[in-house]
Protein backbone atom coordinates (compact mmCIF):
# COMPACT_ATOMS: atom_id res chain seq x y z
CA MET A 1 175.28 93.83 119.72
CA SER A 2 179.06 93.65 120.30
CA SER A 3 181.61 96.74 120.64
CA LEU A 4 185.07 97.16 120.42
CA ASP A 5 187.01 98.19 123.44
CA ALA A 6 189.58 100.97 123.20
CA ALA A 7 192.50 98.38 122.99
CA ALA A 8 190.93 96.56 119.94
CA LYS A 9 190.10 99.64 118.05
CA ALA A 10 194.03 100.70 118.57
CA ALA A 11 195.26 97.59 117.53
CA LEU A 12 193.13 97.48 114.31
CA LYS A 13 194.32 101.14 113.49
CA ALA A 14 198.03 99.69 113.85
CA TYR A 15 197.18 96.79 111.84
CA GLY A 16 198.75 96.78 108.49
CA PHE A 17 196.01 94.43 106.77
CA PRO A 18 198.34 92.49 104.45
CA GLY A 19 195.52 91.16 102.83
CA ASN A 20 192.28 93.07 101.81
CA VAL A 21 188.87 94.63 103.15
CA ARG A 22 187.77 91.08 103.05
CA GLU A 23 190.41 90.36 105.83
CA LEU A 24 188.86 93.16 107.91
CA GLU A 25 185.53 91.53 107.63
CA ASN A 26 186.54 88.15 108.40
CA ILE A 27 188.59 89.28 111.45
CA LEU A 28 185.31 91.09 112.99
CA GLU A 29 183.19 88.27 111.95
CA ARG A 30 185.41 85.94 113.99
CA ALA A 31 185.90 88.17 117.01
CA ILE A 32 181.88 88.74 117.06
CA THR A 33 181.39 85.22 116.97
CA LEU A 34 183.94 83.94 119.51
CA CYS A 35 183.92 86.93 122.18
CA ASP A 36 182.36 85.70 125.30
CA GLY A 37 181.13 89.33 126.07
CA GLU A 38 179.64 91.93 124.52
CA GLN A 39 183.02 93.99 124.66
CA ILE A 40 185.38 92.71 121.71
CA THR A 41 188.95 92.87 123.26
CA ALA A 42 192.20 93.09 121.26
CA HIS A 43 192.79 89.39 122.08
CA ASP A 44 189.53 88.55 120.63
CA LEU A 45 190.76 89.73 117.16
CA GLN A 46 193.51 87.29 116.96
CA LEU A 47 195.36 89.59 114.72
CA ARG A 48 198.34 87.79 112.84
CA GLN A 49 201.90 89.51 112.72
CA PRO A 50 203.23 90.01 109.33
CA SER A 51 206.18 88.16 108.47
CA PRO A 52 209.34 90.38 108.48
CA GLY A 53 210.53 91.33 104.87
CA ALA A 54 206.54 90.81 103.75
CA THR A 55 205.97 92.40 100.30
CA PRO A 56 202.97 93.14 98.16
CA ALA A 57 203.77 90.20 95.83
CA SER A 58 203.78 87.80 99.07
CA ALA A 59 200.88 89.39 100.57
CA ALA A 60 198.92 88.52 97.04
CA ALA A 61 200.42 85.07 97.14
CA ALA A 62 198.95 84.93 100.75
CA GLY A 63 195.62 85.75 99.59
CA ALA A 64 195.41 83.26 96.74
CA LEU A 65 196.47 80.53 99.42
CA GLU A 66 193.73 81.67 101.62
CA ASP A 67 191.27 81.20 98.76
CA GLN A 68 192.64 77.66 98.31
CA MET A 69 192.34 76.92 101.91
CA GLU A 70 188.95 78.21 102.08
CA ASP A 71 187.95 75.90 99.20
CA MET A 72 189.61 72.96 100.83
CA GLU A 73 187.52 74.00 104.01
CA ARG A 74 184.55 74.14 102.13
CA LYS A 75 184.91 70.83 100.57
CA ALA A 76 185.51 69.08 104.22
CA ILE A 77 182.52 70.81 105.81
CA GLN A 78 180.30 69.79 102.80
CA GLU A 79 181.58 66.03 102.84
CA ALA A 80 181.15 65.83 106.70
CA LEU A 81 177.63 67.30 106.50
CA GLU A 82 176.61 64.74 103.84
CA LYS A 83 178.25 61.84 105.71
CA ALA A 84 176.45 63.03 108.86
CA ARG A 85 173.29 63.45 106.92
CA PHE A 86 173.33 67.11 107.55
CA ASN A 87 173.23 67.02 111.28
CA LYS A 88 175.63 69.83 112.09
CA THR A 89 176.28 68.50 115.61
CA LYS A 90 177.71 65.19 114.13
CA ALA A 91 179.21 66.93 111.41
CA ALA A 92 181.00 68.98 114.08
CA GLU A 93 182.11 65.93 116.01
CA LEU A 94 183.48 64.39 112.50
CA LEU A 95 185.54 67.39 111.89
CA GLY A 96 186.95 67.62 115.51
CA MET A 97 185.31 71.38 116.00
CA SER A 98 182.68 72.85 118.28
CA PHE A 99 179.04 73.10 116.96
CA ARG A 100 179.61 76.83 117.15
CA SER A 101 182.70 77.07 114.98
CA LEU A 102 181.20 75.01 112.60
CA ARG A 103 178.14 77.25 112.33
CA TYR A 104 180.20 80.38 111.74
CA ARG A 105 182.54 78.53 109.06
CA ILE A 106 179.35 77.32 107.44
CA LYS A 107 178.01 81.09 107.40
CA LYS A 108 181.30 82.46 106.33
CA LEU A 109 181.98 80.20 103.65
CA GLY A 110 178.26 80.55 102.23
CA ILE A 111 177.55 77.03 102.67
CA GLU A 112 173.57 76.04 102.80
């Protein structure tokens, strides 16, 4: 089971979360999946820096864009899986990503 180190906890407390609670969930899922050890560091969180002058309206627009991007990604993964006859290793190669990253994205996007 992974845990957050002190720097990661401080980074999460300081982060403004321009999205919503789902953004926190996504950040933690990605960090758990991609960290090398049992301790998640601030670097593993890969927090985005908010743009200067960001407003709640721009945050909502960014959320809508994120939803559209997820739909596009879901479609691309499904097409690659079909083309590879559901061989995830081959589908990952077709998409130019690692098998581990593909597995994470499949789980996150609710594919299968």
